[in-house]
Protein backbone atom coordinates (compact mmCIF):
# COMPACT_ATOMS: atom_id res chain seq x y z
CA MET A 1 30.53 41.34 60.39
CA LEU A 2 32.19 40.08 57.24
CA ASP A 3 33.05 42.40 54.36
CA TYR A 4 30.43 41.35 51.79
CA PRO A 5 31.81 43.38 48.85
CA GLY A 6 35.08 41.61 49.56
CA LEU A 7 33.29 38.25 49.69
CA GLU A 8 31.61 39.01 46.38
CA ALA A 9 34.98 39.79 44.81
CA LEU A 10 36.55 36.65 46.31
CA ALA A 11 33.75 34.43 45.02
CA ALA A 12 33.97 36.00 41.57
CA VAL A 13 37.73 35.41 41.31
CA VAL A 14 37.42 31.78 42.40
CA ARG A 15 34.46 31.18 40.11
CA GLU A 16 35.98 32.91 37.06
CA GLY A 17 39.58 31.82 37.66
CA SER A 18 41.16 35.26 37.27
CA PHE A 19 40.94 38.81 38.58
CA GLU A 20 40.35 40.17 35.07
CA ARG A 21 37.33 37.97 34.34
CA ALA A 22 35.99 38.63 37.83
CA ALA A 23 36.26 42.37 37.20
CA ARG A 24 34.28 42.05 33.98
CA ARG A 25 31.60 40.04 35.77
CA LEU A 26 31.35 42.62 38.57
CA HIS A 27 31.63 45.62 36.19
CA VAL A 28 34.58 47.11 38.08
CA THR A 29 38.31 47.37 37.41
CA SER A 30 40.79 44.56 38.10
CA SER A 31 42.56 46.76 40.63
CA ALA A 32 39.27 47.25 42.50
CA VAL A 33 38.75 43.48 42.70
CA SER A 34 42.35 42.99 43.85
CA GLN A 35 41.98 45.66 46.51
CA ARG A 36 38.76 44.16 47.85
CA VAL A 37 40.28 40.70 48.09
CA LYS A 38 43.42 42.08 49.74
CA GLN A 39 41.36 43.95 52.35
CA LEU A 40 39.33 40.83 53.07
CA GLU A 41 42.50 38.75 53.47
CA GLU A 42 43.90 41.35 55.88
CA ARG A 43 40.66 41.38 57.83
CA VAL A 44 40.51 37.58 58.29
CA GLY A 45 44.29 37.25 58.63
CA GLN A 46 44.67 34.53 55.99
CA VAL A 47 45.51 34.09 52.33
CA LEU A 48 42.25 33.33 50.54
CA ILE A 49 43.34 33.04 46.91
CA LEU A 50 46.24 31.15 45.39
CA ARG A 51 47.32 33.40 42.53
CA GLY A 52 47.95 31.41 39.38
CA THR A 53 46.39 30.24 36.12
CA PRO A 54 43.68 29.73 37.09
CA CYS A 55 43.36 31.42 40.48
CA THR A 56 42.01 29.02 43.09
CA GLY A 57 40.71 29.40 46.60
CA THR A 58 42.58 28.22 49.66
CA ASP A 59 40.65 26.05 52.14
CA ALA A 60 39.61 29.18 54.01
CA GLY A 61 38.78 30.93 50.73
CA LYS A 62 36.55 28.06 49.60
CA ARG A 63 34.68 28.09 52.92
CA LEU A 64 34.08 31.83 52.58
CA CYS A 65 32.88 31.36 48.99
CA LEU A 66 30.44 28.74 50.23
CA HIS A 67 29.20 31.19 52.87
CA ALA A 68 28.78 33.87 50.19
CA GLU A 69 26.72 31.48 48.06
CA GLN A 70 24.42 30.70 50.98
CA VAL A 71 23.95 34.40 51.72
CA ALA A 72 23.12 35.03 48.05
CA LEU A 73 20.53 32.25 48.15
CA LEU A 74 18.89 33.67 51.26
CA GLU A 75 18.84 37.17 49.78
CA ASN A 76 17.33 35.80 46.58
CA GLU A 77 14.53 34.10 48.52
CA LEU A 78 13.92 37.37 50.38
CA ARG A 79 13.75 39.25 47.08
CA ARG A 80 11.29 36.75 45.63
CA SER A 81 8.95 37.08 48.61
CA ASN A 82 9.45 40.86 48.92
CA PRO A 83 10.21 42.24 45.44
CA ASP A 84 10.25 45.86 46.58
CA LEU A 85 12.59 45.24 49.49
CA MET A 86 15.74 44.20 47.59
CA THR A 87 15.93 45.26 43.98
CA ASP A 88 19.68 44.94 43.43
CA ALA A 89 20.49 41.60 45.07
CA PRO A 90 22.63 39.52 42.68
CA ILE A 91 21.20 36.36 41.12
CA PRO A 92 22.89 33.44 42.90
CA THR A 93 24.90 30.80 41.07
CA LEU A 94 24.90 27.35 42.67
CA LYS A 95 27.99 25.21 42.13
CA LEU A 96 27.08 21.52 42.10
CA ALA A 97 29.04 18.30 41.52
CA VAL A 98 27.42 15.43 39.63
CA ASN A 99 28.59 12.34 37.80
CA ALA A 100 28.24 12.25 34.02
CA ASP A 101 25.76 9.34 33.94
CA SER A 102 23.36 11.13 36.29
CA LEU A 103 23.69 14.35 34.30
CA SER A 104 22.88 12.50 31.06
CA THR A 105 19.74 10.94 32.56
CA TRP A 106 17.71 11.81 35.64
CA PHE A 107 19.54 14.90 36.97
CA MET A 108 18.60 16.91 33.88
CA ASP A 109 14.95 16.63 34.97
CA ALA A 110 15.86 17.93 38.43
CA MET A 111 17.68 20.94 36.97
CA ALA A 112 14.84 21.73 34.56
CA GLU A 113 12.23 21.66 37.31
CA PHE A 114 14.39 23.77 39.63
CA THR A 115 15.30 26.46 37.11
CA SER A 116 11.76 26.70 35.70
CA ALA A 117 10.41 27.79 39.08
CA GLY A 118 13.18 30.24 40.00
CA ASN A 119 15.90 32.52 38.71
CA GLU A 120 18.95 30.77 40.20
CA LEU A 121 21.81 29.80 37.89
CA LEU A 122 23.69 26.50 37.99
CA ASP A 123 27.42 25.84 37.61
CA LEU A 124 28.13 22.10 37.36
CA ARG A 125 31.34 20.20 38.03
CA ILE A 126 31.47 16.77 36.37
CA ASP A 127 33.28 14.04 38.28
CA ASP A 128 33.03 10.35 39.07
CA GLN A 129 30.31 9.57 41.61
CA ASP A 130 32.97 8.25 44.00
CA HIS A 131 34.80 11.61 43.93
CA THR A 132 32.03 14.23 43.97
CA ALA A 133 31.85 14.02 47.77
CA GLN A 134 35.44 15.25 47.96
CA ARG A 135 34.49 18.42 46.09
CA LEU A 136 31.77 18.98 48.68
CA LYS A 137 34.17 18.37 51.58
CA GLU A 138 36.63 20.87 50.16
CA GLY A 139 33.95 23.55 49.83
CA GLU A 140 34.24 23.67 46.04
CA VAL A 141 30.51 22.99 45.57
CA ILE A 142 27.36 23.54 47.61
CA GLY A 143 25.66 20.27 46.64
CA ALA A 144 26.68 16.92 45.17
CA VAL A 145 25.30 13.71 43.74
CA THR A 146 27.57 11.05 45.17
CA ALA A 147 27.97 7.32 45.72
CA THR A 148 29.27 8.02 49.23
CA GLY A 149 26.69 6.96 51.78
CA THR A 150 28.96 7.52 54.76
CA THR A 151 28.63 10.64 56.86
CA ILE A 152 30.21 13.76 55.39
CA THR A 153 31.21 16.15 58.16
CA GLY A 154 28.85 19.12 58.36
CA CYS A 155 26.55 17.77 55.64
CA ASN A 156 23.11 16.22 55.32
CA THR A 157 22.80 13.19 53.04
CA TRP A 158 19.69 11.66 51.44
CA PRO A 159 19.51 8.29 49.64
CA LEU A 160 18.22 8.73 46.08
CA GLY A 161 18.00 5.18 44.78
CA THR A 162 20.20 2.86 42.78
CA MET A 163 21.60 3.38 39.30
CA ARG A 164 21.78 0.02 37.54
CA TYR A 165 24.69 -0.62 35.18
CA VAL A 166 25.22 -3.49 32.75
CA ALA A 167 28.36 -4.61 30.95
CA ALA A 168 27.70 -4.28 27.23
CA ALA A 169 29.45 -4.28 23.86
CA SER A 170 28.63 -4.66 20.19
CA PRO A 171 27.68 -8.13 18.92
CA ARG A 172 30.78 -8.14 16.71
CA PHE A 173 33.02 -7.34 19.67
CA VAL A 174 31.44 -10.12 21.76
CA GLU A 175 31.93 -12.59 18.93
CA GLN A 176 35.55 -11.54 18.50
CA TYR A 177 36.66 -11.58 22.13
CA PHE A 178 34.18 -13.80 23.98
CA GLU A 179 33.47 -16.66 21.60
CA GLY A 180 34.68 -19.03 24.31
CA GLY A 181 32.71 -17.25 27.05
CA VAL A 182 33.17 -14.30 29.37
CA THR A 183 35.95 -15.46 31.68
CA PRO A 184 38.86 -13.87 33.56
CA ALA A 185 41.16 -15.00 30.75
CA THR A 186 39.08 -13.48 27.92
CA LEU A 187 38.39 -10.28 29.85
CA ALA A 188 42.12 -9.82 30.39
CA LEU A 189 42.54 -9.48 26.60
CA ALA A 190 39.41 -7.52 25.65
CA PRO A 191 39.78 -3.70 25.42
CA ILE A 192 37.81 -1.80 28.08
CA MET A 193 36.06 1.50 27.51
CA THR A 194 36.84 3.85 30.42
CA TYR A 195 35.32 7.31 30.98
CA ASP A 196 38.36 8.77 32.79
CA ARG A 197 41.07 7.82 35.29
CA ASN A 198 38.57 7.88 38.16
CA ASP A 199 36.19 5.44 36.45
CA LYS A 200 36.39 2.10 38.29
CA LEU A 201 32.98 0.66 37.38
CA GLN A 202 34.37 -1.96 35.00
CA ASP A 203 36.80 -3.22 37.66
CA ARG A 204 34.04 -3.28 40.29
CA TRP A 205 31.83 -5.37 38.01
CA MET A 206 34.61 -7.88 37.31
CA HIS A 207 35.43 -8.20 41.01
CA GLN A 208 31.77 -8.52 41.98
CA TYR A 209 31.35 -11.54 39.70
CA GLN A 210 34.88 -12.90 40.29
CA LEU A 211 35.96 -12.23 36.71
CA ALA A 212 39.14 -10.28 37.38
CA ALA A 213 42.26 -12.25 36.49
CA PRO A 214 45.05 -11.86 39.09
CA ARG A 215 47.65 -9.29 38.08
CA SER A 216 45.94 -8.71 34.73
CA ALA A 217 45.92 -5.26 33.12
CA PRO A 218 43.40 -5.28 30.27
CA PRO A 219 43.91 -2.69 27.51
CA ARG A 220 41.84 0.47 28.04
CA HIS A 221 40.46 3.30 25.94
CA PHE A 222 39.64 6.60 27.70
CA ILE A 223 36.70 8.60 26.33
CA PRO A 224 35.30 11.32 28.68
CA SER A 225 31.99 11.74 26.82
CA ASN A 226 28.79 9.82 27.52
CA TYR A 227 27.67 9.93 23.91
CA GLY A 228 31.15 9.08 22.66
CA TYR A 229 31.44 6.27 25.21
CA VAL A 230 28.24 4.59 24.05
CA ARG A 231 29.12 5.05 20.37
CA ALA A 232 32.60 3.63 20.91
CA CYS A 233 31.04 0.47 22.32
CA GLU A 234 28.49 0.32 19.47
CA VAL A 235 31.21 0.43 16.82
CA GLY A 236 33.22 -2.30 18.52
CA MET A 237 36.11 -0.46 20.18
CA GLY A 238 35.59 -2.11 23.56
CA TRP A 239 33.16 -3.13 26.29
CA GLY A 240 32.03 -0.96 29.16
CA MET A 241 29.53 -0.36 31.94
CA HIS A 242 26.39 1.52 30.89
CA PRO A 243 23.37 2.77 32.87
CA THR A 244 20.43 0.70 31.67
CA VAL A 245 18.29 3.85 31.33
CA LEU A 246 20.85 5.29 28.93
CA ILE A 247 21.13 2.35 26.50
CA GLU A 248 17.59 0.95 26.45
CA GLN A 249 17.25 1.75 22.75
CA GLN A 250 20.62 0.22 21.83
CA LEU A 251 19.78 -2.97 23.72
CA ALA A 252 16.35 -3.17 22.08
CA GLN A 253 17.84 -2.64 18.61
CA GLY A 254 20.69 -5.07 19.22
CA THR A 255 23.51 -2.60 18.56
CA LEU A 256 24.66 -3.38 22.11
CA VAL A 257 24.34 -6.68 23.94
CA GLU A 258 25.01 -7.58 27.54
CA LEU A 259 28.16 -9.57 28.20
CA LEU A 260 26.44 -11.50 30.97
CA PRO A 261 22.66 -11.04 31.15
CA ARG A 262 21.13 -10.73 34.63
CA LYS A 263 24.48 -9.74 36.13
CA PRO A 264 24.15 -5.99 36.73
CA LEU A 265 26.15 -3.63 38.94
CA ASP A 266 23.92 -1.56 41.22
CA VAL A 267 25.39 1.73 42.45
CA PRO A 268 23.51 3.50 45.29
CA MET A 269 23.30 7.26 44.77
CA TYR A 270 22.98 10.02 47.37
CA TRP A 271 22.34 13.77 47.46
CA ALA A 272 24.39 15.80 49.93
CA HIS A 273 24.84 19.45 50.85
CA PRO A 274 26.11 21.45 53.84
CA ARG A 275 23.78 21.29 56.83
CA SER A 276 23.94 25.06 57.12
CA ALA A 277 22.40 25.39 53.63
CA GLN A 278 19.40 23.13 54.23
CA ALA A 279 16.82 25.92 54.34
CA SER A 280 18.15 27.74 51.26
CA LEU A 281 18.48 24.49 49.26
CA GLU A 282 15.16 22.95 50.25
CA ARG A 283 13.52 23.53 46.86
CA LEU A 284 16.52 22.13 44.96
CA THR A 285 16.57 19.08 47.23
CA GLN A 286 12.89 18.45 46.53
CA CYS A 287 13.53 18.64 42.77
CA VAL A 288 16.48 16.24 43.04
CA MET A 289 14.52 13.73 45.13
CA ALA A 290 11.51 13.82 42.80
CA ALA A 291 13.57 13.27 39.65
CA ALA A 292 15.58 10.45 41.23
CA LYS A 293 12.37 8.70 42.28
CA ARG A 294 11.18 8.65 38.66
CA TRP A 295 14.45 7.37 37.18
CA LEU A 296 16.40 5.31 39.71
CA GLU A 297 15.75 1.88 41.16
CA ALA A 298 14.27 1.94 44.67
CA VAL A 299 16.79 1.25 47.41
């Protein structure tokens, strides 16, 4: 049997990023946390934590952290159904990966419904929808909203629906850069709003409608904030891809206009988690599916 005090210490260090913060969270000394992790590493015969700033888990360490999370979820369910049986079981924290656009729209409803009916805590990692699956593969998170519909080893995947994006900018920006039309030549000169280095939605839209000029490198702004991204487009800094559900008001008021009406980019979204956690994550999965059904386009 695994050393669960050691697992608890390991998970705390990986989650908090240091032995000191983990010790404060567990209400023990740093040396006690270090000793527990060391004993666990000796027991499994592998290094589980890469000491640094911050401390991170090795592949084996991440897998053990994932196991510890699943155990905490099961114990929490047992406590909820038998309050007198387990009075000191820790409240579980679920690490999830989600893209910023989902978090700003439909996923907030899923989280609200889930947390209102339970005591679990959530710890979110924000990443591009094309990269959240990697966090799940590496054992960094226990669930992910992803654009990856292909099979993820050891995981169950459910289709959620399609998030529709449109290319939009301010009327002044469109007049300045696209007076002669939206073409590969004009797009090559117009500044693009980009969320971060993983954001490829603008390039996907241009390629989908054959608007990407060969060997062109349009100027780009990088703004990793959904609100800031929309505002930057409203004030004329550049054009970008926006979820239609996020900019309905701006489109209605005319502060943003579509570059090419009726030419959207539809991105299928999926929910995935380890197959071994299906029972313990059933309620969260139901909340995610219900919220997605209300917000996303049907597949």
